[in-house]
């Protein structure tokens, strides 16, 4: 059994890498990937705490599957927006997309 501290350190590192990716990247696709890393860190925390609080039950896993489902929907919508912006501006740089107008 892996101690909860190791799982929390792993999750915090994963979340920190994702937060750095959101703040440092200018490409919209890479920003979406960094957001996915952050959501996966949350899912790892849910599984860890669900296993700690209710050993032998799958409540943490159910919440993690829910987070993964919401993350997939968010990624699909985000990629559709990025594709539309690319067709309009020929770039997916988040600095160049400052106004949402025709």
C-alpha atoms as a PDB file:
ATOM      1  CA  UNK A   1       0.000   0.000   0.000  1.00  0.00           C
ATOM      2  CA  UNK A   2       1.366   3.380  -1.014  1.00  0.00           C
ATOM      3  CA  UNK A   3       1.299   5.990   1.771  1.00  0.00           C
ATOM      4  CA  UNK A   4      -1.145   8.850   1.242  1.00  0.00           C
ATOM      5  CA  UNK A   5       1.672  11.397   1.491  1.00  0.00           C
ATOM      6  CA  UNK A   6       3.354  10.000  -1.628  1.00  0.00           C
ATOM      7  CA  UNK A   7       0.126  10.191  -3.596  1.00  0.00           C
ATOM      8  CA  UNK A   8      -0.515  13.764  -2.442  1.00  0.00           C
ATOM      9  CA  UNK A   9       3.026  14.841  -3.358  1.00  0.00           C
ATOM     10  CA  UNK A  10       2.596  13.264  -6.791  1.00  0.00           C
ATOM     11  CA  UNK A  11      -0.746  14.990  -7.247  1.00  0.00           C
ATOM     12  CA  UNK A  12       0.646  18.347  -6.122  1.00  0.00           C
ATOM     13  CA  UNK A  13       3.558  18.018  -8.537  1.00  0.00           C
ATOM     14  CA  UNK A  14       1.189  17.122 -11.369  1.00  0.00           C
ATOM     15  CA  UNK A  15      -1.026  20.107 -10.538  1.00  0.00           C
ATOM     16  CA  UNK A  16       1.997  22.439 -10.340  1.00  0.00           C
ATOM     17  CA  UNK A  17       3.238  21.284 -13.756  1.00  0.00           C
ATOM     18  CA  UNK A  18      -0.217  21.932 -15.171  1.00  0.00           C
ATOM     19  CA  UNK A  19      -0.448  25.378 -13.565  1.00  0.00           C
ATOM     20  CA  UNK A  20       2.969  26.276 -14.964  1.00  0.00           C
ATOM     21  CA  UNK A  21       1.859  25.092 -18.394  1.00  0.00           C
ATOM     22  CA  UNK A  22      -1.256  27.283 -18.269  1.00  0.00           C
ATOM     23  CA  UNK A  23       0.727  30.360 -17.252  1.00  0.00           C
ATOM     24  CA  UNK A  24       3.786  29.900 -19.465  1.00  0.00           C
ATOM     25  CA  UNK A  25       2.422  28.554 -22.753  1.00  0.00           C
ATOM     26  CA  UNK A  26       1.064  30.709 -25.546  1.00  0.00           C
ATOM     27  CA  UNK A  27      -0.302  27.937 -27.755  1.00  0.00           C
ATOM     28  CA  UNK A  28      -3.974  27.285 -26.999  1.00  0.00           C
ATOM     29  CA  UNK A  29      -3.696  23.530 -27.552  1.00  0.00           C
ATOM     30  CA  UNK A  30      -0.856  23.270 -25.037  1.00  0.00           C
ATOM     31  CA  UNK A  31      -2.860  25.334 -22.548  1.00  0.00           C
ATOM     32  CA  UNK A  32      -5.735  22.861 -22.899  1.00  0.00           C
ATOM     33  CA  UNK A  33      -3.329  19.970 -22.307  1.00  0.00           C
ATOM     34  CA  UNK A  34      -2.038  21.694 -19.163  1.00  0.00           C
ATOM     35  CA  UNK A  35      -5.617  22.095 -17.916  1.00  0.00           C
ATOM     36  CA  UNK A  36      -6.100  18.366 -18.482  1.00  0.00           C
ATOM     37  CA  UNK A  37      -3.038  17.697 -16.301  1.00  0.00           C
ATOM     38  CA  UNK A  38      -4.572  19.789 -13.545  1.00  0.00           C
ATOM     39  CA  UNK A  39      -7.872  17.920 -13.777  1.00  0.00           C
ATOM     40  CA  UNK A  40      -6.035  14.581 -13.650  1.00  0.00           C
ATOM     41  CA  UNK A  41      -4.283  15.738 -10.472  1.00  0.00           C
ATOM     42  CA  UNK A  42      -7.711  16.414  -8.966  1.00  0.00           C
ATOM     43  CA  UNK A  43      -8.864  12.928 -10.003  1.00  0.00           C
ATOM     44  CA  UNK A  44      -5.817  11.371  -8.316  1.00  0.00           C
ATOM     45  CA  UNK A  45      -6.649  13.295  -5.129  1.00  0.00           C
ATOM     46  CA  UNK A  46     -10.259  12.104  -5.231  1.00  0.00           C
ATOM     47  CA  UNK A  47      -9.189   8.483  -5.556  1.00  0.00           C
ATOM     48  CA  UNK A  48      -6.598   8.839  -2.780  1.00  0.00           C
ATOM     49  CA  UNK A  49      -8.976  10.451  -0.302  1.00  0.00           C
ATOM     50  CA  UNK A  50     -11.830   8.155  -1.262  1.00  0.00           C
ATOM     51  CA  UNK A  51      -9.639   5.158  -0.532  1.00  0.00           C
ATOM     52  CA  UNK A  52      -8.403   6.701   2.718  1.00  0.00           C
ATOM     53  CA  UNK A  53     -11.800   7.670   4.105  1.00  0.00           C
ATOM     54  CA  UNK A  54     -13.839   4.718   2.803  1.00  0.00           C
ATOM     55  CA  UNK A  55     -11.501   1.741   2.360  1.00  0.00           C
ATOM     56  CA  UNK A  56     -12.946  -0.954   0.135  1.00  0.00           C
ATOM     57  CA  UNK A  57     -15.561   1.324  -1.413  1.00  0.00           C
ATOM     58  CA  UNK A  58     -15.480   2.900  -4.854  1.00  0.00           C
ATOM     59  CA  UNK A  59     -16.830   6.382  -4.083  1.00  0.00           C
ATOM     60  CA  UNK A  60     -13.518   8.072  -4.944  1.00  0.00           C
ATOM     61  CA  UNK A  61     -13.359   6.182  -8.224  1.00  0.00           C
ATOM     62  CA  UNK A  62     -16.862   7.273  -9.170  1.00  0.00           C
ATOM     63  CA  UNK A  63     -15.941  10.921  -8.593  1.00  0.00           C
ATOM     64  CA  UNK A  64     -12.717  10.455 -10.573  1.00  0.00           C
ATOM     65  CA  UNK A  65     -14.633   9.003 -13.525  1.00  0.00           C
ATOM     66  CA  UNK A  66     -16.997  11.975 -13.323  1.00  0.00           C
ATOM     67  CA  UNK A  67     -14.015  14.389 -13.393  1.00  0.00           C
ATOM     68  CA  UNK A  68     -12.522  12.566 -16.378  1.00  0.00           C
ATOM     69  CA  UNK A  69     -15.871  12.749 -18.204  1.00  0.00           C
ATOM     70  CA  UNK A  70     -16.173  16.485 -17.578  1.00  0.00           C
ATOM     71  CA  UNK A  71     -12.536  16.933 -18.671  1.00  0.00           C
ATOM     72  CA  UNK A  72     -13.216  15.124 -21.946  1.00  0.00           C
ATOM     73  CA  UNK A  73     -16.237  17.326 -22.631  1.00  0.00           C
ATOM     74  CA  UNK A  74     -14.214  20.439 -21.797  1.00  0.00           C
ATOM     75  CA  UNK A  75     -11.421  19.348 -24.104  1.00  0.00           C
ATOM     76  CA  UNK A  76     -13.816  18.700 -26.980  1.00  0.00           C
ATOM     77  CA  UNK A  77     -15.437  22.111 -26.603  1.00  0.00           C
ATOM     78  CA  UNK A  78     -12.078  23.825 -26.173  1.00  0.00           C
ATOM     79  CA  UNK A  79     -10.625  22.203 -29.280  1.00  0.00           C
ATOM     80  CA  UNK A  80     -13.690  23.246 -31.282  1.00  0.00           C
ATOM     81  CA  UNK A  81     -13.161  26.845 -30.177  1.00  0.00           C
ATOM     82  CA  UNK A  82      -9.436  26.652 -30.976  1.00  0.00           C
ATOM     83  CA  UNK A  83     -10.207  25.256 -34.428  1.00  0.00           C
ATOM     84  CA  UNK A  84     -12.664  28.084 -35.099  1.00  0.00           C
ATOM     85  CA  UNK A  85     -10.120  30.688 -33.941  1.00  0.00           C
ATOM     86  CA  UNK A  86      -7.464  29.105 -36.165  1.00  0.00           C
ATOM     87  CA  UNK A  87      -9.759  29.353 -39.192  1.00  0.00           C
ATOM     88  CA  UNK A  88     -10.453  33.017 -38.457  1.00  0.00           C
ATOM     89  CA  UNK A  89      -6.962  34.199 -37.445  1.00  0.00           C
ATOM     90  CA  UNK A  90      -4.584  31.526 -38.858  1.00  0.00           C
ATOM     91  CA  UNK A  91      -2.967  31.285 -35.424  1.00  0.00           C
ATOM     92  CA  UNK A  92      -3.698  29.614 -32.096  1.00  0.00           C
ATOM     93  CA  UNK A  93      -1.529  31.977 -30.083  1.00  0.00           C
ATOM     94  CA  UNK A  94      -3.533  33.109 -27.067  1.00  0.00           C
ATOM     95  CA  UNK A  95      -1.881  36.554 -27.096  1.00  0.00           C
ATOM     96  CA  UNK A  96      -3.199  37.309 -30.571  1.00  0.00           C
ATOM     97  CA  UNK A  97      -6.788  36.434 -29.701  1.00  0.00           C
ATOM     98  CA  UNK A  98      -7.776  39.442 -27.640  1.00  0.00           C
ATOM     99  CA  UNK A  99     -11.180  40.273 -29.077  1.00  0.00           C
ATOM    100  CA  UNK A 100     -14.017  37.927 -29.843  1.00  0.00           C
ATOM    101  CA  UNK A 101     -15.656  39.745 -32.719  1.00  0.00           C
ATOM    102  CA  UNK A 102     -16.437  39.056 -36.350  1.00  0.00           C
END
